[in-house]
């Protein structure tokens, strides 16, 4: 499976609307033009001061074509957006005066476009810190019904059909929650399973991992935390094929699974790995990326009521285009 090609094909068949809040950033501008050229979205909107965006476009040497520019400071939607923001944040003491200020922020304005149905997906992070992207998403878009946790996943293409779905696995959470509580681990498992189904097109088979398999690690608090997460995940998502706690070899090697977790329903079928901590997840995906030569796509945010994605500030134009395609595919699945 050529993951990028598949995502672009799905995005092109869905044709959802995309907003890119960092409208004066050169890579973002070039990506916006390319997304429209490749017909991956029905519309692309850049946010920013109109004169500044047009100046940056000229400096980038591209033609925006049908890409739209909206200035959050002068938009006709300001009154409605400010009113909605006050409603969403009144429990935190939000006032109309502060809402006017906050809604001039590109990230918040972009998130509100998604919330209010003016577009279907948002991608940012080429200029902005991850915390700022997440904050805009959580305070305005929120998590999807029944889900209290926003998290992330990486799509890992190992180029080896032995693993996962045609060589591709979902790793989660590798970028958001440092030490997930059991309830959060359960939510992460549910979100990652959905990401697997939407992006890989296969039924998820989930392993919740630990340094322990079925109690071999004793009563260590981190083992108990994963065990409780497994219990909660099975209760909350009974339709998902899921098992844990499992060591990595017990999750991935059938002969080891049979020895350490005989009768496990995930034996030989795992395509989605849930890490017990951000530390383990981040180290794990980077090891597989560097030592096994896997392609790592992400972090892809999951668990939100509508799709948003965070970019690395070192991203390339093609990284933005690929992330946009993935996010638009998520939008098509809503």
C-alpha atoms as a PDB file:
ATOM      1  CA  UNK A   1       0.000   0.000   0.000  1.00  0.00           C
ATOM      2  CA  UNK A   2       1.275   3.458  -0.930  1.00  0.00           C
ATOM      3  CA  UNK A   3      -0.210   5.266   2.049  1.00  0.00           C
ATOM      4  CA  UNK A   4       0.219   8.801   0.714  1.00  0.00           C
ATOM      5  CA  UNK A   5      -1.265   7.897  -2.661  1.00  0.00           C
ATOM      6  CA  UNK A   6      -4.245   6.231  -0.969  1.00  0.00           C
ATOM      7  CA  UNK A   7      -4.861   9.248   1.283  1.00  0.00           C
ATOM      8  CA  UNK A   8      -4.709  11.642  -1.648  1.00  0.00           C
ATOM      9  CA  UNK A   9      -7.101   9.475  -3.660  1.00  0.00           C
ATOM     10  CA  UNK A  10      -9.571   9.340  -0.761  1.00  0.00           C
ATOM     11  CA  UNK A  11      -9.304  13.090  -0.190  1.00  0.00           C
ATOM     12  CA  UNK A  12      -9.911  13.738  -3.897  1.00  0.00           C
ATOM     13  CA  UNK A  13     -13.016  11.556  -3.818  1.00  0.00           C
ATOM     14  CA  UNK A  14     -14.396  13.310  -0.698  1.00  0.00           C
ATOM     15  CA  UNK A  15     -13.538  16.933  -1.592  1.00  0.00           C
ATOM     16  CA  UNK A  16     -13.929  18.580   1.809  1.00  0.00           C
ATOM     17  CA  UNK A  17     -13.120  22.184   2.779  1.00  0.00           C
ATOM     18  CA  UNK A  18      -9.779  23.044   4.418  1.00  0.00           C
ATOM     19  CA  UNK A  19      -8.575  26.057   6.415  1.00  0.00           C
ATOM     20  CA  UNK A  20      -4.880  26.866   6.893  1.00  0.00           C
ATOM     21  CA  UNK A  21      -4.567  29.539   9.620  1.00  0.00           C
ATOM     22  CA  UNK A  22      -0.891  30.361   8.987  1.00  0.00           C
ATOM     23  CA  UNK A  23      -1.614  32.268   5.800  1.00  0.00           C
ATOM     24  CA  UNK A  24       1.622  34.262   5.576  1.00  0.00           C
ATOM     25  CA  UNK A  25       3.930  31.255   6.016  1.00  0.00           C
ATOM     26  CA  UNK A  26       5.746  30.369   2.769  1.00  0.00           C
ATOM     27  CA  UNK A  27       5.484  26.568   2.962  1.00  0.00           C
ATOM     28  CA  UNK A  28       1.802  26.842   3.866  1.00  0.00           C
ATOM     29  CA  UNK A  29       1.136  29.110   0.894  1.00  0.00           C
ATOM     30  CA  UNK A  30       2.883  26.716  -1.495  1.00  0.00           C
ATOM     31  CA  UNK A  31       1.013  23.765   0.030  1.00  0.00           C
ATOM     32  CA  UNK A  32      -2.334  25.572  -0.358  1.00  0.00           C
ATOM     33  CA  UNK A  33      -1.702  26.080  -4.058  1.00  0.00           C
ATOM     34  CA  UNK A  34      -0.608  22.462  -4.478  1.00  0.00           C
ATOM     35  CA  UNK A  35      -3.647  21.087  -2.623  1.00  0.00           C
ATOM     36  CA  UNK A  36      -5.930  22.922  -5.030  1.00  0.00           C
ATOM     37  CA  UNK A  37      -3.830  21.946  -8.051  1.00  0.00           C
ATOM     38  CA  UNK A  38      -4.046  18.279  -7.046  1.00  0.00           C
ATOM     39  CA  UNK A  39      -7.784  18.688  -6.344  1.00  0.00           C
ATOM     40  CA  UNK A  40      -7.541  17.265  -2.837  1.00  0.00           C
ATOM     41  CA  UNK A  41     -10.091  19.715  -1.382  1.00  0.00           C
ATOM     42  CA  UNK A  42     -13.177  21.508  -2.619  1.00  0.00           C
ATOM     43  CA  UNK A  43     -11.802  24.735  -1.148  1.00  0.00           C
ATOM     44  CA  UNK A  44      -8.723  25.983   0.705  1.00  0.00           C
ATOM     45  CA  UNK A  45      -8.748  29.105   2.869  1.00  0.00           C
ATOM     46  CA  UNK A  46      -5.679  30.983   4.099  1.00  0.00           C
ATOM     47  CA  UNK A  47      -6.089  33.194   7.168  1.00  0.00           C
ATOM     48  CA  UNK A  48      -4.293  36.468   7.769  1.00  0.00           C
ATOM     49  CA  UNK A  49      -4.198  40.141   6.977  1.00  0.00           C
ATOM     50  CA  UNK A  50      -5.141  40.230   3.297  1.00  0.00           C
ATOM     51  CA  UNK A  51      -2.329  42.570   2.264  1.00  0.00           C
ATOM     52  CA  UNK A  52       0.242  40.562   4.225  1.00  0.00           C
ATOM     53  CA  UNK A  53      -0.917  37.274   2.722  1.00  0.00           C
ATOM     54  CA  UNK A  54      -0.825  38.661  -0.830  1.00  0.00           C
ATOM     55  CA  UNK A  55       2.663  40.044  -0.189  1.00  0.00           C
ATOM     56  CA  UNK A  56       3.820  36.635   1.095  1.00  0.00           C
ATOM     57  CA  UNK A  57       2.242  34.934  -1.917  1.00  0.00           C
ATOM     58  CA  UNK A  58       4.188  37.186  -4.290  1.00  0.00           C
ATOM     59  CA  UNK A  59       7.406  36.492  -2.359  1.00  0.00           C
ATOM     60  CA  UNK A  60       6.726  32.737  -2.575  1.00  0.00           C
ATOM     61  CA  UNK A  61       6.337  33.036  -6.344  1.00  0.00           C
ATOM     62  CA  UNK A  62       3.156  30.980  -6.614  1.00  0.00           C
ATOM     63  CA  UNK A  63      -0.304  31.491  -8.030  1.00  0.00           C
ATOM     64  CA  UNK A  64      -3.063  30.845  -5.505  1.00  0.00           C
ATOM     65  CA  UNK A  65      -5.699  30.183  -8.141  1.00  0.00           C
ATOM     66  CA  UNK A  66      -8.975  29.482  -6.318  1.00  0.00           C
ATOM     67  CA  UNK A  67      -7.481  29.625  -2.809  1.00  0.00           C
ATOM     68  CA  UNK A  68      -9.489  32.031  -0.606  1.00  0.00           C
ATOM     69  CA  UNK A  69      -7.990  34.584   1.804  1.00  0.00           C
ATOM     70  CA  UNK A  70      -9.922  35.617   4.928  1.00  0.00           C
ATOM     71  CA  UNK A  71      -8.794  38.246   7.434  1.00  0.00           C
ATOM     72  CA  UNK A  72     -10.053  37.326  10.941  1.00  0.00           C
ATOM     73  CA  UNK A  73      -9.913  40.999  11.913  1.00  0.00           C
ATOM     74  CA  UNK A  74     -12.477  42.074   9.301  1.00  0.00           C
ATOM     75  CA  UNK A  75     -14.522  38.934   8.561  1.00  0.00           C
ATOM     76  CA  UNK A  76     -18.294  39.137   8.222  1.00  0.00           C
ATOM     77  CA  UNK A  77     -18.457  36.134  10.566  1.00  0.00           C
ATOM     78  CA  UNK A  78     -16.914  37.963  13.534  1.00  0.00           C
ATOM     79  CA  UNK A  79     -20.134  38.707  15.404  1.00  0.00           C
ATOM     80  CA  UNK A  80     -21.406  35.124  15.155  1.00  0.00           C
ATOM     81  CA  UNK A  81     -17.994  33.670  16.036  1.00  0.00           C
ATOM     82  CA  UNK A  82     -17.579  35.959  19.057  1.00  0.00           C
ATOM     83  CA  UNK A  83     -21.056  35.102  20.313  1.00  0.00           C
ATOM     84  CA  UNK A  84     -20.389  31.370  19.987  1.00  0.00           C
ATOM     85  CA  UNK A  85     -17.036  31.725  21.724  1.00  0.00           C
ATOM     86  CA  UNK A  86     -18.639  33.476  24.699  1.00  0.00           C
ATOM     87  CA  UNK A  87     -21.200  30.672  24.886  1.00  0.00           C
ATOM     88  CA  UNK A  88     -18.493  28.007  24.811  1.00  0.00           C
ATOM     89  CA  UNK A  89     -16.244  29.700  27.370  1.00  0.00           C
ATOM     90  CA  UNK A  90     -18.687  31.478  29.697  1.00  0.00           C
ATOM     91  CA  UNK A  91     -17.981  28.891  32.406  1.00  0.00           C
ATOM     92  CA  UNK A  92     -14.396  30.163  32.309  1.00  0.00           C
ATOM     93  CA  UNK A  93     -15.469  33.803  32.623  1.00  0.00           C
ATOM     94  CA  UNK A  94     -15.291  34.704  28.931  1.00  0.00           C
ATOM     95  CA  UNK A  95     -16.640  38.193  28.183  1.00  0.00           C
ATOM     96  CA  UNK A  96     -17.749  39.694  24.841  1.00  0.00           C
ATOM     97  CA  UNK A  97     -14.815  42.107  25.029  1.00  0.00           C
ATOM     98  CA  UNK A  98     -12.275  39.295  25.435  1.00  0.00           C
ATOM     99  CA  UNK A  99     -13.995  37.236  22.755  1.00  0.00           C
ATOM    100  CA  UNK A 100     -13.446  40.068  20.262  1.00  0.00           C
ATOM    101  CA  UNK A 101      -9.727  39.914  21.024  1.00  0.00           C
ATOM    102  CA  UNK A 102      -9.465  36.101  21.033  1.00  0.00           C
ATOM    103  CA  UNK A 103     -11.349  35.639  17.761  1.00  0.00           C
ATOM    104  CA  UNK A 104      -8.788  37.765  15.943  1.00  0.00           C
ATOM    105  CA  UNK A 105      -6.263  34.993  16.600  1.00  0.00           C
ATOM    106  CA  UNK A 106      -5.849  32.923  13.425  1.00  0.00           C
ATOM    107  CA  UNK A 107      -5.816  29.542  15.179  1.00  0.00           C
ATOM    108  CA  UNK A 108      -8.962  30.260  17.160  1.00  0.00           C
ATOM    109  CA  UNK A 109     -10.697  31.757  14.125  1.00  0.00           C
ATOM    110  CA  UNK A 110      -9.779  28.693  12.052  1.00  0.00           C
ATOM    111  CA  UNK A 111     -11.029  26.334  14.763  1.00  0.00           C
ATOM    112  CA  UNK A 112     -14.271  28.311  14.937  1.00  0.00           C
ATOM    113  CA  UNK A 113     -14.667  27.994  11.164  1.00  0.00           C
ATOM    114  CA  UNK A 114     -14.630  24.243  11.687  1.00  0.00           C
ATOM    115  CA  UNK A 115     -16.968  24.444  14.688  1.00  0.00           C
ATOM    116  CA  UNK A 116     -19.461  26.627  12.818  1.00  0.00           C
ATOM    117  CA  UNK A 117     -19.436  24.538   9.639  1.00  0.00           C
ATOM    118  CA  UNK A 118     -17.624  27.098   7.473  1.00  0.00           C
ATOM    119  CA  UNK A 119     -15.018  24.461   6.653  1.00  0.00           C
ATOM    120  CA  UNK A 120     -14.463  20.784   7.450  1.00  0.00           C
ATOM    121  CA  UNK A 121     -10.845  20.517   8.621  1.00  0.00           C
ATOM    122  CA  UNK A 122      -7.922  22.609   9.873  1.00  0.00           C
ATOM    123  CA  UNK A 123      -4.156  22.099   9.573  1.00  0.00           C
ATOM    124  CA  UNK A 124      -1.640  24.292  11.431  1.00  0.00           C
ATOM    125  CA  UNK A 125       1.685  24.145  13.224  1.00  0.00           C
ATOM    126  CA  UNK A 126       4.260  25.266  10.671  1.00  0.00           C
ATOM    127  CA  UNK A 127       4.573  28.448  12.745  1.00  0.00           C
ATOM    128  CA  UNK A 128       2.594  27.617  15.877  1.00  0.00           C
ATOM    129  CA  UNK A 129       3.478  25.537  18.928  1.00  0.00           C
ATOM    130  CA  UNK A 130       1.653  22.235  19.335  1.00  0.00           C
ATOM    131  CA  UNK A 131       0.182  23.469  22.627  1.00  0.00           C
ATOM    132  CA  UNK A 132      -1.429  26.425  20.858  1.00  0.00           C
ATOM    133  CA  UNK A 133      -2.942  24.242  18.120  1.00  0.00           C
ATOM    134  CA  UNK A 134      -4.290  21.801  20.715  1.00  0.00           C
ATOM    135  CA  UNK A 135      -5.655  24.600  22.877  1.00  0.00           C
ATOM    136  CA  UNK A 136      -7.600  26.087  19.967  1.00  0.00           C
ATOM    137  CA  UNK A 137      -8.963  22.668  19.074  1.00  0.00           C
ATOM    138  CA  UNK A 138      -9.945  21.667  22.596  1.00  0.00           C
ATOM    139  CA  UNK A 139     -11.538  24.964  23.633  1.00  0.00           C
ATOM    140  CA  UNK A 140     -13.500  25.510  20.420  1.00  0.00           C
ATOM    141  CA  UNK A 141     -13.994  22.220  18.573  1.00  0.00           C
ATOM    142  CA  UNK A 142     -13.865  19.917  21.595  1.00  0.00           C
ATOM    143  CA  UNK A 143     -13.759  16.143  21.694  1.00  0.00           C
ATOM    144  CA  UNK A 144     -16.204  13.918  19.870  1.00  0.00           C
ATOM    145  CA  UNK A 145     -19.311  12.667  21.728  1.00  0.00           C
ATOM    146  CA  UNK A 146     -18.482   9.979  24.269  1.00  0.00           C
ATOM    147  CA  UNK A 147     -14.780  10.784  24.124  1.00  0.00           C
ATOM    148  CA  UNK A 148     -13.111  12.864  26.830  1.00  0.00           C
ATOM    149  CA  UNK A 149      -9.572  12.537  25.497  1.00  0.00           C
ATOM    150  CA  UNK A 150      -7.863  14.098  22.485  1.00  0.00           C
ATOM    151  CA  UNK A 151      -4.753  12.182  21.479  1.00  0.00           C
ATOM    152  CA  UNK A 152      -2.581  11.401  18.477  1.00  0.00           C
ATOM    153  CA  UNK A 153      -1.333   8.576  16.344  1.00  0.00           C
ATOM    154  CA  UNK A 154       1.432   7.907  13.865  1.00  0.00           C
ATOM    155  CA  UNK A 155       0.908   5.819  10.768  1.00  0.00           C
ATOM    156  CA  UNK A 156       4.014   3.656  10.477  1.00  0.00           C
ATOM    157  CA  UNK A 157       4.737   2.187   7.052  1.00  0.00           C
ATOM    158  CA  UNK A 158       7.353  -0.524   7.640  1.00  0.00           C
ATOM    159  CA  UNK A 159       7.441  -1.587   3.962  1.00  0.00           C
ATOM    160  CA  UNK A 160       7.239  -5.172   5.238  1.00  0.00           C
ATOM    161  CA  UNK A 161       3.953  -6.986   4.638  1.00  0.00           C
ATOM    162  CA  UNK A 162       4.681  -9.164   7.663  1.00  0.00           C
ATOM    163  CA  UNK A 163       3.471  -6.394   9.978  1.00  0.00           C
ATOM    164  CA  UNK A 164       0.036  -4.891  10.469  1.00  0.00           C
ATOM    165  CA  UNK A 165      -2.108  -4.090   7.459  1.00  0.00           C
ATOM    166  CA  UNK A 166       0.032  -4.620   4.382  1.00  0.00           C
ATOM    167  CA  UNK A 167       3.083  -3.408   6.315  1.00  0.00           C
ATOM    168  CA  UNK A 168       1.371  -0.458   8.030  1.00  0.00           C
ATOM    169  CA  UNK A 169       0.599  -0.040  11.732  1.00  0.00           C
ATOM    170  CA  UNK A 170      -1.010   2.619  13.900  1.00  0.00           C
ATOM    171  CA  UNK A 171       1.081   3.769  16.902  1.00  0.00           C
ATOM    172  CA  UNK A 172      -0.731   5.753  19.624  1.00  0.00           C
ATOM    173  CA  UNK A 173      -0.351   8.007  21.619  1.00  0.00           C
ATOM    174  CA  UNK A 174       3.094   9.334  20.651  1.00  0.00           C
ATOM    175  CA  UNK A 175       2.649  13.109  20.921  1.00  0.00           C
ATOM    176  CA  UNK A 176      -0.005  14.399  23.326  1.00  0.00           C
ATOM    177  CA  UNK A 177      -0.577  12.796  26.759  1.00  0.00           C
ATOM    178  CA  UNK A 178       2.558  12.137  28.885  1.00  0.00           C
ATOM    179  CA  UNK A 179       1.127   9.581  31.333  1.00  0.00           C
ATOM    180  CA  UNK A 180      -2.407   8.565  30.392  1.00  0.00           C
ATOM    181  CA  UNK A 181      -4.779   7.575  33.160  1.00  0.00           C
ATOM    182  CA  UNK A 182      -6.714   4.313  32.633  1.00  0.00           C
ATOM    183  CA  UNK A 183      -9.728   6.227  31.301  1.00  0.00           C
ATOM    184  CA  UNK A 184      -7.480   8.078  28.875  1.00  0.00           C
ATOM    185  CA  UNK A 185      -5.792   4.862  27.727  1.00  0.00           C
ATOM    186  CA  UNK A 186      -9.222   3.461  26.953  1.00  0.00           C
ATOM    187  CA  UNK A 187     -10.146   6.559  24.938  1.00  0.00           C
ATOM    188  CA  UNK A 188      -6.809   6.448  23.109  1.00  0.00           C
ATOM    189  CA  UNK A 189      -7.485   2.818  22.172  1.00  0.00           C
ATOM    190  CA  UNK A 190     -10.926   3.728  20.825  1.00  0.00           C
ATOM    191  CA  UNK A 191      -9.627   6.703  18.842  1.00  0.00           C
ATOM    192  CA  UNK A 192      -6.671   4.774  17.427  1.00  0.00           C
ATOM    193  CA  UNK A 193      -8.996   1.968  16.366  1.00  0.00           C
ATOM    194  CA  UNK A 194     -11.119   4.504  14.501  1.00  0.00           C
ATOM    195  CA  UNK A 195      -8.001   5.991  12.890  1.00  0.00           C
ATOM    196  CA  UNK A 196      -7.005   2.508  11.751  1.00  0.00           C
ATOM    197  CA  UNK A 197     -10.383   1.872  10.175  1.00  0.00           C
ATOM    198  CA  UNK A 198     -10.631   5.281   8.496  1.00  0.00           C
ATOM    199  CA  UNK A 199      -7.068   5.536   7.202  1.00  0.00           C
ATOM    200  CA  UNK A 200      -6.022   1.931   6.603  1.00  0.00           C
ATOM    201  CA  UNK A 201      -9.431   0.667   5.582  1.00  0.00           C
ATOM    202  CA  UNK A 202      -9.223  -2.468   7.740  1.00  0.00           C
ATOM    203  CA  UNK A 203     -10.797  -3.661  10.955  1.00  0.00           C
ATOM    204  CA  UNK A 204      -8.620  -2.608  13.883  1.00  0.00           C
ATOM    205  CA  UNK A 205      -6.877  -5.206  16.018  1.00  0.00           C
ATOM    206  CA  UNK A 206      -5.542  -3.431  19.089  1.00  0.00           C
ATOM    207  CA  UNK A 207      -2.744  -4.350  21.503  1.00  0.00           C
ATOM    208  CA  UNK A 208      -2.388  -2.277  24.673  1.00  0.00           C
ATOM    209  CA  UNK A 209       1.268  -2.527  25.577  1.00  0.00           C
ATOM    210  CA  UNK A 210       3.410  -2.653  28.680  1.00  0.00           C
ATOM    211  CA  UNK A 211       6.688  -4.110  29.936  1.00  0.00           C
ATOM    212  CA  UNK A 212       4.404  -6.814  31.364  1.00  0.00           C
ATOM    213  CA  UNK A 213       2.239  -9.485  29.757  1.00  0.00           C
ATOM    214  CA  UNK A 214      -0.868 -10.643  31.592  1.00  0.00           C
ATOM    215  CA  UNK A 215       0.455  -9.752  35.015  1.00  0.00           C
ATOM    216  CA  UNK A 216       4.059 -10.884  34.612  1.00  0.00           C
ATOM    217  CA  UNK A 217       5.227  -7.466  35.837  1.00  0.00           C
ATOM    218  CA  UNK A 218       3.549  -7.881  39.196  1.00  0.00           C
ATOM    219  CA  UNK A 219       1.735  -5.096  41.002  1.00  0.00           C
ATOM    220  CA  UNK A 220       3.768  -2.222  39.559  1.00  0.00           C
ATOM    221  CA  UNK A 221       1.590   0.885  39.310  1.00  0.00           C
ATOM    222  CA  UNK A 222       2.257   1.274  35.581  1.00  0.00           C
ATOM    223  CA  UNK A 223       1.215  -2.328  34.950  1.00  0.00           C
ATOM    224  CA  UNK A 224      -1.945  -1.851  36.988  1.00  0.00           C
ATOM    225  CA  UNK A 225      -2.686   1.380  35.087  1.00  0.00           C
ATOM    226  CA  UNK A 226      -2.578  -0.418  31.734  1.00  0.00           C
ATOM    227  CA  UNK A 227      -4.584  -3.375  33.070  1.00  0.00           C
ATOM    228  CA  UNK A 228      -7.327  -1.010  34.194  1.00  0.00           C
ATOM    229  CA  UNK A 229      -7.143   0.779  30.824  1.00  0.00           C
ATOM    230  CA  UNK A 230      -7.649  -2.557  29.054  1.00  0.00           C
ATOM    231  CA  UNK A 231     -10.664  -3.350  31.234  1.00  0.00           C
ATOM    232  CA  UNK A 232     -12.240   0.041  30.558  1.00  0.00           C
ATOM    233  CA  UNK A 233     -11.509  -0.139  26.814  1.00  0.00           C
ATOM    234  CA  UNK A 234     -13.204  -3.540  26.538  1.00  0.00           C
ATOM    235  CA  UNK A 235     -16.244  -2.192  28.390  1.00  0.00           C
ATOM    236  CA  UNK A 236     -16.459   1.019  26.372  1.00  0.00           C
ATOM    237  CA  UNK A 237     -15.630  -0.446  22.950  1.00  0.00           C
ATOM    238  CA  UNK A 238     -16.831  -4.076  23.022  1.00  0.00           C
ATOM    239  CA  UNK A 239     -16.896  -4.186  19.230  1.00  0.00           C
ATOM    240  CA  UNK A 240     -13.105  -3.745  18.981  1.00  0.00           C
ATOM    241  CA  UNK A 241     -10.795  -6.749  18.864  1.00  0.00           C
ATOM    242  CA  UNK A 242      -8.452  -5.756  21.694  1.00  0.00           C
ATOM    243  CA  UNK A 243      -6.135  -7.341  24.243  1.00  0.00           C
ATOM    244  CA  UNK A 244      -3.553  -6.387  26.874  1.00  0.00           C
ATOM    245  CA  UNK A 245      -1.485  -5.830  28.735  1.00  0.00           C
ATOM    246  CA  UNK A 246       1.072  -7.209  26.279  1.00  0.00           C
ATOM    247  CA  UNK A 247       4.799  -6.804  25.789  1.00  0.00           C
ATOM    248  CA  UNK A 248       5.799  -5.786  22.270  1.00  0.00           C
ATOM    249  CA  UNK A 249       6.910  -9.288  21.277  1.00  0.00           C
ATOM    250  CA  UNK A 250       3.760 -10.800  22.736  1.00  0.00           C
ATOM    251  CA  UNK A 251       1.715  -8.340  20.699  1.00  0.00           C
ATOM    252  CA  UNK A 252       3.499  -8.870  17.391  1.00  0.00           C
ATOM    253  CA  UNK A 253       4.997 -12.387  17.247  1.00  0.00           C
ATOM    254  CA  UNK A 254       2.326 -15.127  17.190  1.00  0.00           C
ATOM    255  CA  UNK A 255       4.593 -17.809  18.677  1.00  0.00           C
ATOM    256  CA  UNK A 256       5.382 -15.496  21.601  1.00  0.00           C
ATOM    257  CA  UNK A 257       1.722 -14.511  21.993  1.00  0.00           C
ATOM    258  CA  UNK A 258       0.781 -18.180  22.246  1.00  0.00           C
ATOM    259  CA  UNK A 259       3.324 -18.715  25.020  1.00  0.00           C
ATOM    260  CA  UNK A 260       2.729 -15.549  27.029  1.00  0.00           C
ATOM    261  CA  UNK A 261      -0.978 -14.909  26.319  1.00  0.00           C
ATOM    262  CA  UNK A 262      -2.464 -18.196  25.073  1.00  0.00           C
ATOM    263  CA  UNK A 263      -5.828 -17.798  23.417  1.00  0.00           C
ATOM    264  CA  UNK A 264      -5.440 -14.054  22.844  1.00  0.00           C
ATOM    265  CA  UNK A 265      -7.928 -12.807  20.225  1.00  0.00           C
ATOM    266  CA  UNK A 266      -5.261 -10.576  18.664  1.00  0.00           C
ATOM    267  CA  UNK A 267      -2.756 -13.347  17.921  1.00  0.00           C
ATOM    268  CA  UNK A 268      -1.064 -12.714  14.571  1.00  0.00           C
ATOM    269  CA  UNK A 269      -3.440  -9.888  13.643  1.00  0.00           C
ATOM    270  CA  UNK A 270      -2.297  -6.730  15.486  1.00  0.00           C
ATOM    271  CA  UNK A 271      -2.314  -3.541  13.423  1.00  0.00           C
ATOM    272  CA  UNK A 272      -2.764  -0.940  16.198  1.00  0.00           C
ATOM    273  CA  UNK A 273      -0.375  -0.492  19.134  1.00  0.00           C
ATOM    274  CA  UNK A 274      -1.319   1.549  22.219  1.00  0.00           C
ATOM    275  CA  UNK A 275       1.682   2.700  24.252  1.00  0.00           C
ATOM    276  CA  UNK A 276       1.474   3.067  28.051  1.00  0.00           C
ATOM    277  CA  UNK A 277       3.064   6.525  28.040  1.00  0.00           C
ATOM    278  CA  UNK A 278       4.170   9.319  25.753  1.00  0.00           C
ATOM    279  CA  UNK A 279       7.755   8.461  26.619  1.00  0.00           C
ATOM    280  CA  UNK A 280       7.369   4.889  25.375  1.00  0.00           C
ATOM    281  CA  UNK A 281       5.362   5.927  22.319  1.00  0.00           C
ATOM    282  CA  UNK A 282       7.738   8.662  21.195  1.00  0.00           C
ATOM    283  CA  UNK A 283      10.811   6.463  21.656  1.00  0.00           C
ATOM    284  CA  UNK A 284       9.057   3.532  20.004  1.00  0.00           C
ATOM    285  CA  UNK A 285       8.033   5.279  16.812  1.00  0.00           C
ATOM    286  CA  UNK A 286      11.420   6.937  16.392  1.00  0.00           C
ATOM    287  CA  UNK A 287      13.256   3.627  16.850  1.00  0.00           C
ATOM    288  CA  UNK A 288      11.084   1.931  14.235  1.00  0.00           C
ATOM    289  CA  UNK A 289      11.464   4.914  11.909  1.00  0.00           C
ATOM    290  CA  UNK A 290      15.261   5.087  12.187  1.00  0.00           C
ATOM    291  CA  UNK A 291      16.322   1.471  12.690  1.00  0.00           C
ATOM    292  CA  UNK A 292      13.743  -0.247  10.498  1.00  0.00           C
ATOM    293  CA  UNK A 293      13.557   2.489   7.855  1.00  0.00           C
ATOM    294  CA  UNK A 294       9.831   2.956   8.340  1.00  0.00           C
ATOM    295  CA  UNK A 295       7.999   6.023   7.084  1.00  0.00           C
ATOM    296  CA  UNK A 296       6.274   7.826   9.955  1.00  0.00           C
ATOM    297  CA  UNK A 297       3.229   9.946   9.124  1.00  0.00           C
ATOM    298  CA  UNK A 298       2.041  12.169  11.945  1.00  0.00           C
ATOM    299  CA  UNK A 299       1.358  13.082  14.572  1.00  0.00           C
ATOM    300  CA  UNK A 300      -2.247  12.808  13.455  1.00  0.00           C
ATOM    301  CA  UNK A 301      -4.651  14.200  16.020  1.00  0.00           C
ATOM    302  CA  UNK A 302      -7.655  12.062  16.930  1.00  0.00           C
ATOM    303  CA  UNK A 303     -10.610  12.166  19.273  1.00  0.00           C
ATOM    304  CA  UNK A 304     -11.746  15.661  18.236  1.00  0.00           C
ATOM    305  CA  UNK A 305     -15.343  16.407  17.262  1.00  0.00           C
ATOM    306  CA  UNK A 306     -14.000  17.572  13.883  1.00  0.00           C
ATOM    307  CA  UNK A 307     -10.568  16.940  12.390  1.00  0.00           C
ATOM    308  CA  UNK A 308      -7.594  19.211  12.995  1.00  0.00           C
ATOM    309  CA  UNK A 309      -3.925  18.404  12.532  1.00  0.00           C
ATOM    310  CA  UNK A 310      -0.695  19.710  13.999  1.00  0.00           C
ATOM    311  CA  UNK A 311       2.459  20.107  11.915  1.00  0.00           C
ATOM    312  CA  UNK A 312       6.099  20.019  12.908  1.00  0.00           C
ATOM    313  CA  UNK A 313       7.654  23.457  12.616  1.00  0.00           C
ATOM    314  CA  UNK A 314      10.325  21.794  10.492  1.00  0.00           C
ATOM    315  CA  UNK A 315       7.767  20.434   8.019  1.00  0.00           C
ATOM    316  CA  UNK A 316       8.181  20.569   4.257  1.00  0.00           C
ATOM    317  CA  UNK A 317       5.606  21.668   1.696  1.00  0.00           C
ATOM    318  CA  UNK A 318       4.905  18.016   0.880  1.00  0.00           C
ATOM    319  CA  UNK A 319       4.491  17.251   4.594  1.00  0.00           C
ATOM    320  CA  UNK A 320       1.746  19.867   4.751  1.00  0.00           C
ATOM    321  CA  UNK A 321       0.049  18.502   1.634  1.00  0.00           C
ATOM    322  CA  UNK A 322       0.146  14.943   2.998  1.00  0.00           C
ATOM    323  CA  UNK A 323      -1.127  16.015   6.413  1.00  0.00           C
ATOM    324  CA  UNK A 324      -3.899  17.970   4.736  1.00  0.00           C
ATOM    325  CA  UNK A 325      -4.902  14.909   2.697  1.00  0.00           C
ATOM    326  CA  UNK A 326      -5.037  12.757   5.848  1.00  0.00           C
ATOM    327  CA  UNK A 327      -7.070  15.377   7.713  1.00  0.00           C
ATOM    328  CA  UNK A 328      -9.487  15.726   4.802  1.00  0.00           C
ATOM    329  CA  UNK A 329      -9.934  11.949   4.792  1.00  0.00           C
ATOM    330  CA  UNK A 330     -10.802  12.154   8.502  1.00  0.00           C
ATOM    331  CA  UNK A 331     -13.337  14.860   7.630  1.00  0.00           C
ATOM    332  CA  UNK A 332     -14.871  12.609   5.013  1.00  0.00           C
ATOM    333  CA  UNK A 333     -15.407   9.919   7.649  1.00  0.00           C
ATOM    334  CA  UNK A 334     -17.372  12.191  10.010  1.00  0.00           C
END
